[in-house]
């Protein structure tokens, strides 16, 4: 069960980035400046296939991984998809892989290995996501994230320098909220599948659905705004700081679970800065991919 969850999370990150590469390849082929760009885009079979792989297969694997691992390990494991994006960009941009990028890939692989051995997982089928104390802690965590987002929103309107970085952190906080709320949402889904179709379960399912929709929508919007102000190669890894840091807080303070062994949390905490550090190295390639834009 655990090993399958790790594999599904890694495959989700791979599928996500393969889909991005497929879509970007089509975007790059369509001539800039011509009318009807988006209409031609959605009619292109490769772009549609990339969308299905990205949003369909990637999301399905993500939810299956959540059902087996919970929200603690998933963000770090999905970062493995950066390797696919980097290797794909080498073929796409006709460039060689440099020493620093090779080191970044090895660092990321090491981090994924440490995360796998940490065995930090949450059984959403067994954990009582409807418990009042848990929901109270979930509300406090969400309120803290929302407060930080509001502070950053005010700050980014009052500063000139580092505005893109502030927006990237805000985007990361939205995704940190989303990654957490997938847990209670999947807990409700599992109970519905098991026939526990009652008001508390339905309420948690509806609340989780609304939060996931809003956090993903605003997370995407904030990151796109950051791209307009600063380089994607800087915005993307900065966004990863709250995304990768929040799961430890979620596991220990919100779910209040004890690590499965004495070394589990050490491995987990050692892997997180590795994921963030490798993203700073590898995001240059992702920034190049994001820079491929075609105007309508």
C-alpha atoms as a PDB file:
ATOM      1  CA  UNK A   1       0.000   0.000   0.000  1.00  0.00           C
ATOM      2  CA  UNK A   2       2.716   2.508   1.032  1.00  0.00           C
ATOM      3  CA  UNK A   3       5.064   1.653  -1.839  1.00  0.00           C
ATOM      4  CA  UNK A   4       2.189   1.894  -4.315  1.00  0.00           C
ATOM      5  CA  UNK A   5       1.275   5.322  -2.931  1.00  0.00           C
ATOM      6  CA  UNK A   6       4.858   6.555  -3.386  1.00  0.00           C
ATOM      7  CA  UNK A   7       4.897   5.226  -6.952  1.00  0.00           C
ATOM      8  CA  UNK A   8       1.537   6.869  -7.741  1.00  0.00           C
ATOM      9  CA  UNK A   9       2.739  10.239  -6.386  1.00  0.00           C
ATOM     10  CA  UNK A  10       5.921  10.093  -8.464  1.00  0.00           C
ATOM     11  CA  UNK A  11       3.953   9.050 -11.555  1.00  0.00           C
ATOM     12  CA  UNK A  12       1.535  11.926 -10.934  1.00  0.00           C
ATOM     13  CA  UNK A  13       4.416  14.422 -11.019  1.00  0.00           C
ATOM     14  CA  UNK A  14       5.765  12.736 -14.164  1.00  0.00           C
ATOM     15  CA  UNK A  15       2.358  12.794 -15.895  1.00  0.00           C
ATOM     16  CA  UNK A  16       1.837  16.428 -14.954  1.00  0.00           C
ATOM     17  CA  UNK A  17       5.100  17.509 -16.561  1.00  0.00           C
ATOM     18  CA  UNK A  18       4.821  15.245 -19.604  1.00  0.00           C
ATOM     19  CA  UNK A  19       1.460  16.882 -20.267  1.00  0.00           C
ATOM     20  CA  UNK A  20       3.059  20.321 -19.913  1.00  0.00           C
ATOM     21  CA  UNK A  21       5.775  19.372 -22.422  1.00  0.00           C
ATOM     22  CA  UNK A  22       3.208  18.090 -24.931  1.00  0.00           C
ATOM     23  CA  UNK A  23       1.165  21.269 -24.643  1.00  0.00           C
ATOM     24  CA  UNK A  24       4.213  23.534 -24.890  1.00  0.00           C
ATOM     25  CA  UNK A  25       5.389  21.726 -28.017  1.00  0.00           C
ATOM     26  CA  UNK A  26       2.122  22.604 -29.743  1.00  0.00           C
ATOM     27  CA  UNK A  27       2.226  26.186 -28.456  1.00  0.00           C
ATOM     28  CA  UNK A  28       5.716  26.555 -29.904  1.00  0.00           C
ATOM     29  CA  UNK A  29       4.620  25.295 -33.327  1.00  0.00           C
ATOM     30  CA  UNK A  30       1.648  27.617 -33.751  1.00  0.00           C
ATOM     31  CA  UNK A  31       2.765  30.836 -35.402  1.00  0.00           C
ATOM     32  CA  UNK A  32       2.799  33.868 -33.148  1.00  0.00           C
ATOM     33  CA  UNK A  33       0.570  36.801 -33.984  1.00  0.00           C
ATOM     34  CA  UNK A  34      -2.052  34.924 -35.976  1.00  0.00           C
ATOM     35  CA  UNK A  35      -5.703  35.210 -35.070  1.00  0.00           C
ATOM     36  CA  UNK A  36      -7.593  32.338 -33.518  1.00  0.00           C
ATOM     37  CA  UNK A  37      -4.615  30.948 -31.633  1.00  0.00           C
ATOM     38  CA  UNK A  38      -6.615  29.362 -28.816  1.00  0.00           C
ATOM     39  CA  UNK A  39      -9.211  27.946 -31.196  1.00  0.00           C
ATOM     40  CA  UNK A  40      -6.424  26.216 -33.163  1.00  0.00           C
ATOM     41  CA  UNK A  41      -4.771  25.137 -29.943  1.00  0.00           C
ATOM     42  CA  UNK A  42      -7.732  23.177 -28.590  1.00  0.00           C
ATOM     43  CA  UNK A  43      -8.250  21.528 -31.991  1.00  0.00           C
ATOM     44  CA  UNK A  44      -4.700  20.173 -32.058  1.00  0.00           C
ATOM     45  CA  UNK A  45      -4.623  16.440 -31.119  1.00  0.00           C
ATOM     46  CA  UNK A  46      -1.238  16.664 -29.366  1.00  0.00           C
ATOM     47  CA  UNK A  47      -2.338  19.615 -27.227  1.00  0.00           C
ATOM     48  CA  UNK A  48      -5.559  17.824 -26.284  1.00  0.00           C
ATOM     49  CA  UNK A  49      -3.580  14.684 -25.456  1.00  0.00           C
ATOM     50  CA  UNK A  50      -1.239  16.777 -23.307  1.00  0.00           C
ATOM     51  CA  UNK A  51      -4.220  18.298 -21.503  1.00  0.00           C
ATOM     52  CA  UNK A  52      -5.630  14.826 -20.798  1.00  0.00           C
ATOM     53  CA  UNK A  53      -2.249  13.585 -19.512  1.00  0.00           C
ATOM     54  CA  UNK A  54      -1.690  16.749 -17.457  1.00  0.00           C
ATOM     55  CA  UNK A  55      -5.131  17.344 -15.942  1.00  0.00           C
ATOM     56  CA  UNK A  56      -6.725  13.917 -16.370  1.00  0.00           C
ATOM     57  CA  UNK A  57      -4.103  11.256 -15.727  1.00  0.00           C
ATOM     58  CA  UNK A  58      -1.976  13.469 -13.472  1.00  0.00           C
ATOM     59  CA  UNK A  59      -4.968  14.425 -11.289  1.00  0.00           C
ATOM     60  CA  UNK A  60      -6.251  10.846 -11.107  1.00  0.00           C
ATOM     61  CA  UNK A  61      -2.845   9.561  -9.987  1.00  0.00           C
ATOM     62  CA  UNK A  62      -2.615  12.439  -7.498  1.00  0.00           C
ATOM     63  CA  UNK A  63      -5.939  11.522  -5.871  1.00  0.00           C
ATOM     64  CA  UNK A  64      -5.071   7.823  -5.774  1.00  0.00           C
ATOM     65  CA  UNK A  65      -1.754   8.687  -4.108  1.00  0.00           C
ATOM     66  CA  UNK A  66      -3.565  10.892  -1.589  1.00  0.00           C
ATOM     67  CA  UNK A  67      -5.881   8.026  -0.673  1.00  0.00           C
ATOM     68  CA  UNK A  68      -2.824   5.884   0.186  1.00  0.00           C
ATOM     69  CA  UNK A  69      -0.352   8.406   1.616  1.00  0.00           C
ATOM     70  CA  UNK A  70      -2.311  11.446   2.755  1.00  0.00           C
ATOM     71  CA  UNK A  71      -1.159  15.053   2.214  1.00  0.00           C
ATOM     72  CA  UNK A  72       2.243  14.954   3.945  1.00  0.00           C
ATOM     73  CA  UNK A  73       4.502  13.274   1.370  1.00  0.00           C
ATOM     74  CA  UNK A  74       2.723  14.128  -1.881  1.00  0.00           C
ATOM     75  CA  UNK A  75       4.160  17.642  -2.594  1.00  0.00           C
ATOM     76  CA  UNK A  76       7.750  16.469  -2.210  1.00  0.00           C
ATOM     77  CA  UNK A  77       7.276  13.276  -4.201  1.00  0.00           C
ATOM     78  CA  UNK A  78       5.525  15.106  -7.046  1.00  0.00           C
ATOM     79  CA  UNK A  79       8.554  17.363  -7.416  1.00  0.00           C
ATOM     80  CA  UNK A  80      10.148  14.370  -9.155  1.00  0.00           C
ATOM     81  CA  UNK A  81       8.310  15.536 -12.261  1.00  0.00           C
ATOM     82  CA  UNK A  82      10.865  18.354 -12.530  1.00  0.00           C
ATOM     83  CA  UNK A  83      13.362  15.767 -13.773  1.00  0.00           C
ATOM     84  CA  UNK A  84      11.047  14.939 -16.677  1.00  0.00           C
ATOM     85  CA  UNK A  85      10.604  18.634 -17.449  1.00  0.00           C
ATOM     86  CA  UNK A  86      14.355  19.238 -17.433  1.00  0.00           C
ATOM     87  CA  UNK A  87      15.124  16.232 -19.637  1.00  0.00           C
ATOM     88  CA  UNK A  88      12.259  17.166 -21.964  1.00  0.00           C
ATOM     89  CA  UNK A  89      13.486  20.740 -22.214  1.00  0.00           C
ATOM     90  CA  UNK A  90      16.909  19.487 -23.323  1.00  0.00           C
ATOM     91  CA  UNK A  91      15.228  17.858 -26.308  1.00  0.00           C
ATOM     92  CA  UNK A  92      12.800  20.754 -26.733  1.00  0.00           C
ATOM     93  CA  UNK A  93      15.336  23.596 -26.499  1.00  0.00           C
ATOM     94  CA  UNK A  94      18.188  21.673 -28.165  1.00  0.00           C
ATOM     95  CA  UNK A  95      20.594  22.279 -25.277  1.00  0.00           C
ATOM     96  CA  UNK A  96      22.902  20.089 -23.240  1.00  0.00           C
ATOM     97  CA  UNK A  97      22.485  19.254 -19.586  1.00  0.00           C
ATOM     98  CA  UNK A  98      25.019  21.212 -17.519  1.00  0.00           C
ATOM     99  CA  UNK A  99      26.968  20.089 -14.470  1.00  0.00           C
ATOM    100  CA  UNK A 100      24.878  22.205 -12.083  1.00  0.00           C
ATOM    101  CA  UNK A 101      21.624  20.821 -13.497  1.00  0.00           C
ATOM    102  CA  UNK A 102      22.955  17.269 -13.235  1.00  0.00           C
ATOM    103  CA  UNK A 103      23.773  17.949  -9.592  1.00  0.00           C
ATOM    104  CA  UNK A 104      20.260  19.347  -9.132  1.00  0.00           C
ATOM    105  CA  UNK A 105      18.715  16.160 -10.561  1.00  0.00           C
ATOM    106  CA  UNK A 106      20.862  13.985  -8.286  1.00  0.00           C
ATOM    107  CA  UNK A 107      19.885  16.149  -5.306  1.00  0.00           C
ATOM    108  CA  UNK A 108      16.202  15.766  -6.170  1.00  0.00           C
ATOM    109  CA  UNK A 109      16.532  11.991  -6.603  1.00  0.00           C
ATOM    110  CA  UNK A 110      18.223  11.831  -3.189  1.00  0.00           C
ATOM    111  CA  UNK A 111      15.388  13.857  -1.669  1.00  0.00           C
ATOM    112  CA  UNK A 112      12.723  11.580  -3.197  1.00  0.00           C
ATOM    113  CA  UNK A 113      14.594   8.533  -1.857  1.00  0.00           C
ATOM    114  CA  UNK A 114      14.707  10.024   1.650  1.00  0.00           C
ATOM    115  CA  UNK A 115      10.996  10.856   1.493  1.00  0.00           C
ATOM    116  CA  UNK A 116      10.226   7.297   0.457  1.00  0.00           C
ATOM    117  CA  UNK A 117      12.228   5.818   3.359  1.00  0.00           C
ATOM    118  CA  UNK A 118      10.652   8.240   5.853  1.00  0.00           C
ATOM    119  CA  UNK A 119       7.297   6.405   5.605  1.00  0.00           C
ATOM    120  CA  UNK A 120       5.499   9.588   6.729  1.00  0.00           C
ATOM    121  CA  UNK A 121       1.976   8.714   5.601  1.00  0.00           C
ATOM    122  CA  UNK A 122      -1.592   9.370   6.763  1.00  0.00           C
ATOM    123  CA  UNK A 123      -4.277   6.705   6.457  1.00  0.00           C
ATOM    124  CA  UNK A 124      -7.250   8.845   5.457  1.00  0.00           C
ATOM    125  CA  UNK A 125      -9.573   5.843   5.618  1.00  0.00           C
ATOM    126  CA  UNK A 126      -8.737   5.221   9.292  1.00  0.00           C
ATOM    127  CA  UNK A 127      -8.058   8.773  10.487  1.00  0.00           C
ATOM    128  CA  UNK A 128     -11.192  10.495  11.796  1.00  0.00           C
ATOM    129  CA  UNK A 129     -11.361  13.569   9.560  1.00  0.00           C
ATOM    130  CA  UNK A 130     -14.752  14.410  11.112  1.00  0.00           C
ATOM    131  CA  UNK A 131     -13.419  14.747  14.659  1.00  0.00           C
ATOM    132  CA  UNK A 132     -14.164  18.154  16.160  1.00  0.00           C
ATOM    133  CA  UNK A 133     -10.610  18.700  17.434  1.00  0.00           C
ATOM    134  CA  UNK A 134      -9.141  17.902  14.010  1.00  0.00           C
ATOM    135  CA  UNK A 135     -11.560  20.210  12.210  1.00  0.00           C
ATOM    136  CA  UNK A 136     -10.726  22.965  14.700  1.00  0.00           C
ATOM    137  CA  UNK A 137      -6.994  22.537  14.022  1.00  0.00           C
ATOM    138  CA  UNK A 138      -7.731  22.461  10.280  1.00  0.00           C
ATOM    139  CA  UNK A 139      -9.630  25.744  10.626  1.00  0.00           C
ATOM    140  CA  UNK A 140      -6.759  27.334  12.592  1.00  0.00           C
ATOM    141  CA  UNK A 141      -4.196  26.196  10.000  1.00  0.00           C
ATOM    142  CA  UNK A 142      -6.392  27.543   7.187  1.00  0.00           C
ATOM    143  CA  UNK A 143      -6.897  30.844   9.031  1.00  0.00           C
ATOM    144  CA  UNK A 144      -3.149  31.261   9.524  1.00  0.00           C
ATOM    145  CA  UNK A 145      -2.514  30.635   5.819  1.00  0.00           C
ATOM    146  CA  UNK A 146      -5.336  33.017   4.853  1.00  0.00           C
ATOM    147  CA  UNK A 147      -3.959  35.707   7.175  1.00  0.00           C
ATOM    148  CA  UNK A 148      -0.485  35.371   5.671  1.00  0.00           C
ATOM    149  CA  UNK A 149      -1.994  35.608   2.180  1.00  0.00           C
ATOM    150  CA  UNK A 150      -3.862  38.808   3.124  1.00  0.00           C
ATOM    151  CA  UNK A 151      -0.679  40.322   4.599  1.00  0.00           C
ATOM    152  CA  UNK A 152       1.233  39.473   1.421  1.00  0.00           C
ATOM    153  CA  UNK A 153      -1.591  40.904  -0.702  1.00  0.00           C
ATOM    154  CA  UNK A 154      -1.329  44.243   1.109  1.00  0.00           C
ATOM    155  CA  UNK A 155       2.471  44.121   0.981  1.00  0.00           C
ATOM    156  CA  UNK A 156       2.730  43.444  -2.754  1.00  0.00           C
ATOM    157  CA  UNK A 157       0.603  46.515  -3.471  1.00  0.00           C
ATOM    158  CA  UNK A 158       2.900  48.764  -1.455  1.00  0.00           C
ATOM    159  CA  UNK A 159       6.324  47.650  -2.622  1.00  0.00           C
ATOM    160  CA  UNK A 160       8.167  47.878  -5.911  1.00  0.00           C
ATOM    161  CA  UNK A 161      11.105  45.554  -5.366  1.00  0.00           C
ATOM    162  CA  UNK A 162      10.522  41.868  -4.656  1.00  0.00           C
ATOM    163  CA  UNK A 163       6.839  42.137  -5.630  1.00  0.00           C
ATOM    164  CA  UNK A 164       7.153  39.090  -7.869  1.00  0.00           C
ATOM    165  CA  UNK A 165       8.651  37.060  -5.020  1.00  0.00           C
ATOM    166  CA  UNK A 166       5.835  38.105  -2.689  1.00  0.00           C
ATOM    167  CA  UNK A 167       3.260  36.991  -5.255  1.00  0.00           C
ATOM    168  CA  UNK A 168       5.090  33.679  -5.689  1.00  0.00           C
ATOM    169  CA  UNK A 169       5.006  33.034  -1.926  1.00  0.00           C
ATOM    170  CA  UNK A 170       1.292  33.919  -1.923  1.00  0.00           C
ATOM    171  CA  UNK A 171       0.730  31.411  -4.711  1.00  0.00           C
ATOM    172  CA  UNK A 172       2.632  28.802  -2.706  1.00  0.00           C
ATOM    173  CA  UNK A 173       0.430  29.422   0.343  1.00  0.00           C
ATOM    174  CA  UNK A 174      -2.688  28.859  -1.767  1.00  0.00           C
ATOM    175  CA  UNK A 175      -1.246  25.556  -2.989  1.00  0.00           C
ATOM    176  CA  UNK A 176      -0.193  24.611   0.569  1.00  0.00           C
ATOM    177  CA  UNK A 177      -3.824  25.074   1.599  1.00  0.00           C
ATOM    178  CA  UNK A 178      -4.968  23.047  -1.399  1.00  0.00           C
ATOM    179  CA  UNK A 179      -2.523  20.225  -0.664  1.00  0.00           C
ATOM    180  CA  UNK A 180      -3.768  20.047   2.918  1.00  0.00           C
ATOM    181  CA  UNK A 181      -7.487  20.118   2.103  1.00  0.00           C
ATOM    182  CA  UNK A 182      -7.125  17.295  -0.402  1.00  0.00           C
ATOM    183  CA  UNK A 183      -6.656  15.129   2.711  1.00  0.00           C
ATOM    184  CA  UNK A 184     -10.023  15.834   4.403  1.00  0.00           C
ATOM    185  CA  UNK A 185     -11.687  15.874   0.970  1.00  0.00           C
ATOM    186  CA  UNK A 186     -10.343  12.389   0.163  1.00  0.00           C
ATOM    187  CA  UNK A 187     -11.304  11.241   3.661  1.00  0.00           C
ATOM    188  CA  UNK A 188     -14.891  12.269   2.882  1.00  0.00           C
ATOM    189  CA  UNK A 189     -14.745  10.604  -0.545  1.00  0.00           C
ATOM    190  CA  UNK A 190     -13.543   7.315   0.961  1.00  0.00           C
ATOM    191  CA  UNK A 191     -16.404   7.380   3.467  1.00  0.00           C
ATOM    192  CA  UNK A 192     -18.939   8.056   0.724  1.00  0.00           C
ATOM    193  CA  UNK A 193     -17.603   5.067  -1.233  1.00  0.00           C
ATOM    194  CA  UNK A 194     -17.964   2.969   1.925  1.00  0.00           C
ATOM    195  CA  UNK A 195     -21.643   3.910   2.209  1.00  0.00           C
ATOM    196  CA  UNK A 196     -21.322   6.539   4.962  1.00  0.00           C
ATOM    197  CA  UNK A 197     -23.501   9.063   3.152  1.00  0.00           C
ATOM    198  CA  UNK A 198     -24.503  11.379   6.016  1.00  0.00           C
ATOM    199  CA  UNK A 199     -24.651  15.127   6.621  1.00  0.00           C
ATOM    200  CA  UNK A 200     -21.195  15.553   8.240  1.00  0.00           C
ATOM    201  CA  UNK A 201     -19.524  13.633   5.399  1.00  0.00           C
ATOM    202  CA  UNK A 202     -21.439  15.546   2.727  1.00  0.00           C
ATOM    203  CA  UNK A 203     -20.614  18.866   4.444  1.00  0.00           C
ATOM    204  CA  UNK A 204     -16.898  18.026   4.568  1.00  0.00           C
ATOM    205  CA  UNK A 205     -16.990  16.913   0.923  1.00  0.00           C
ATOM    206  CA  UNK A 206     -18.679  20.186  -0.131  1.00  0.00           C
ATOM    207  CA  UNK A 207     -16.331  22.336   1.968  1.00  0.00           C
ATOM    208  CA  UNK A 208     -13.264  20.536   0.636  1.00  0.00           C
ATOM    209  CA  UNK A 209     -14.485  20.840  -2.964  1.00  0.00           C
ATOM    210  CA  UNK A 210     -15.033  24.602  -2.617  1.00  0.00           C
ATOM    211  CA  UNK A 211     -11.669  25.199  -0.933  1.00  0.00           C
ATOM    212  CA  UNK A 212      -9.806  23.110  -3.526  1.00  0.00           C
ATOM    213  CA  UNK A 213     -11.436  24.970  -6.402  1.00  0.00           C
ATOM    214  CA  UNK A 214     -10.702  28.415  -4.948  1.00  0.00           C
ATOM    215  CA  UNK A 215      -7.148  27.721  -3.765  1.00  0.00           C
ATOM    216  CA  UNK A 216      -6.096  26.229  -7.099  1.00  0.00           C
ATOM    217  CA  UNK A 217      -7.724  29.048  -9.050  1.00  0.00           C
ATOM    218  CA  UNK A 218      -6.066  31.792  -6.984  1.00  0.00           C
ATOM    219  CA  UNK A 219      -2.782  29.870  -6.767  1.00  0.00           C
ATOM    220  CA  UNK A 220      -2.553  29.782 -10.560  1.00  0.00           C
ATOM    221  CA  UNK A 221      -3.555  33.444 -10.855  1.00  0.00           C
ATOM    222  CA  UNK A 222      -0.951  34.645  -8.341  1.00  0.00           C
ATOM    223  CA  UNK A 223       1.818  32.680 -10.028  1.00  0.00           C
ATOM    224  CA  UNK A 224       0.901  34.085 -13.437  1.00  0.00           C
ATOM    225  CA  UNK A 225       1.029  37.601 -11.965  1.00  0.00           C
ATOM    226  CA  UNK A 226       4.450  36.791 -10.517  1.00  0.00           C
ATOM    227  CA  UNK A 227       5.610  35.681 -13.990  1.00  0.00           C
ATOM    228  CA  UNK A 228       4.709  39.134 -15.353  1.00  0.00           C
ATOM    229  CA  UNK A 229       6.974  40.832 -12.807  1.00  0.00           C
ATOM    230  CA  UNK A 230       9.886  38.457 -12.236  1.00  0.00           C
ATOM    231  CA  UNK A 231      11.572  35.548 -13.992  1.00  0.00           C
ATOM    232  CA  UNK A 232       9.794  32.202 -13.829  1.00  0.00           C
ATOM    233  CA  UNK A 233      13.134  30.641 -12.876  1.00  0.00           C
ATOM    234  CA  UNK A 234      12.962  32.647  -9.620  1.00  0.00           C
ATOM    235  CA  UNK A 235       9.199  32.641  -9.004  1.00  0.00           C
ATOM    236  CA  UNK A 236       8.778  28.856  -9.318  1.00  0.00           C
ATOM    237  CA  UNK A 237      11.295  27.799  -6.627  1.00  0.00           C
ATOM    238  CA  UNK A 238      10.171  30.597  -4.288  1.00  0.00           C
ATOM    239  CA  UNK A 239       6.630  29.284  -4.671  1.00  0.00           C
ATOM    240  CA  UNK A 240       7.915  25.871  -3.548  1.00  0.00           C
ATOM    241  CA  UNK A 241       9.047  27.159  -0.134  1.00  0.00           C
ATOM    242  CA  UNK A 242       5.577  27.193   1.515  1.00  0.00           C
ATOM    243  CA  UNK A 243       4.414  24.215  -0.574  1.00  0.00           C
ATOM    244  CA  UNK A 244       7.228  21.983   0.666  1.00  0.00           C
ATOM    245  CA  UNK A 245       7.423  23.391   4.210  1.00  0.00           C
ATOM    246  CA  UNK A 246       3.732  23.114   5.125  1.00  0.00           C
ATOM    247  CA  UNK A 247       3.430  19.269   5.090  1.00  0.00           C
ATOM    248  CA  UNK A 248       5.615  18.879   8.209  1.00  0.00           C
ATOM    249  CA  UNK A 249       3.350  21.323  10.068  1.00  0.00           C
ATOM    250  CA  UNK A 250       0.272  19.520   8.750  1.00  0.00           C
ATOM    251  CA  UNK A 251       1.541  16.105   9.865  1.00  0.00           C
ATOM    252  CA  UNK A 252       2.705  17.122  13.340  1.00  0.00           C
ATOM    253  CA  UNK A 253       0.364  19.971  14.303  1.00  0.00           C
ATOM    254  CA  UNK A 254      -2.884  19.447  12.370  1.00  0.00           C
ATOM    255  CA  UNK A 255      -3.162  15.663  12.083  1.00  0.00           C
ATOM    256  CA  UNK A 256      -1.060  15.330  15.278  1.00  0.00           C
ATOM    257  CA  UNK A 257       0.484  12.025  14.265  1.00  0.00           C
ATOM    258  CA  UNK A 258       3.646  10.473  15.666  1.00  0.00           C
ATOM    259  CA  UNK A 259       6.369   9.558  13.146  1.00  0.00           C
ATOM    260  CA  UNK A 260       6.518   5.801  12.484  1.00  0.00           C
ATOM    261  CA  UNK A 261      10.154   5.632  13.658  1.00  0.00           C
ATOM    262  CA  UNK A 262      12.848   7.729  15.329  1.00  0.00           C
ATOM    263  CA  UNK A 263      14.519   8.515  12.013  1.00  0.00           C
ATOM    264  CA  UNK A 264      11.362   9.131   9.953  1.00  0.00           C
ATOM    265  CA  UNK A 265      11.017  12.823  10.726  1.00  0.00           C
ATOM    266  CA  UNK A 266      14.769  13.341  10.352  1.00  0.00           C
ATOM    267  CA  UNK A 267      14.657  11.863   6.843  1.00  0.00           C
ATOM    268  CA  UNK A 268      11.545  13.865   6.010  1.00  0.00           C
ATOM    269  CA  UNK A 269      12.977  17.169   7.256  1.00  0.00           C
ATOM    270  CA  UNK A 270      16.301  16.527   5.506  1.00  0.00           C
ATOM    271  CA  UNK A 271      14.536  15.880   2.196  1.00  0.00           C
ATOM    272  CA  UNK A 272      12.461  19.092   2.161  1.00  0.00           C
ATOM    273  CA  UNK A 273      15.383  21.583   1.825  1.00  0.00           C
ATOM    274  CA  UNK A 274      16.831  19.275  -0.832  1.00  0.00           C
ATOM    275  CA  UNK A 275      13.607  19.510  -2.849  1.00  0.00           C
ATOM    276  CA  UNK A 276      13.544  23.298  -2.482  1.00  0.00           C
ATOM    277  CA  UNK A 277      17.254  23.610  -3.294  1.00  0.00           C
ATOM    278  CA  UNK A 278      16.979  21.418  -6.387  1.00  0.00           C
ATOM    279  CA  UNK A 279      13.986  23.436  -7.572  1.00  0.00           C
ATOM    280  CA  UNK A 280      16.135  26.601  -7.550  1.00  0.00           C
ATOM    281  CA  UNK A 281      18.640  24.791  -9.779  1.00  0.00           C
ATOM    282  CA  UNK A 282      16.169  23.070 -12.102  1.00  0.00           C
ATOM    283  CA  UNK A 283      13.602  25.880 -12.350  1.00  0.00           C
ATOM    284  CA  UNK A 284      15.778  27.583 -14.962  1.00  0.00           C
ATOM    285  CA  UNK A 285      14.589  24.951 -17.429  1.00  0.00           C
ATOM    286  CA  UNK A 286      11.003  25.298 -16.297  1.00  0.00           C
ATOM    287  CA  UNK A 287      11.347  29.055 -16.668  1.00  0.00           C
ATOM    288  CA  UNK A 288      12.472  28.546 -20.268  1.00  0.00           C
ATOM    289  CA  UNK A 289       9.409  26.396 -20.915  1.00  0.00           C
ATOM    290  CA  UNK A 290       7.090  28.987 -19.347  1.00  0.00           C
ATOM    291  CA  UNK A 291       8.733  31.682 -21.455  1.00  0.00           C
ATOM    292  CA  UNK A 292       7.496  30.042 -24.648  1.00  0.00           C
ATOM    293  CA  UNK A 293       4.478  32.251 -25.244  1.00  0.00           C
ATOM    294  CA  UNK A 294       2.426  32.839 -28.344  1.00  0.00           C
ATOM    295  CA  UNK A 295       0.240  35.917 -28.646  1.00  0.00           C
ATOM    296  CA  UNK A 296      -3.277  35.720 -30.045  1.00  0.00           C
END
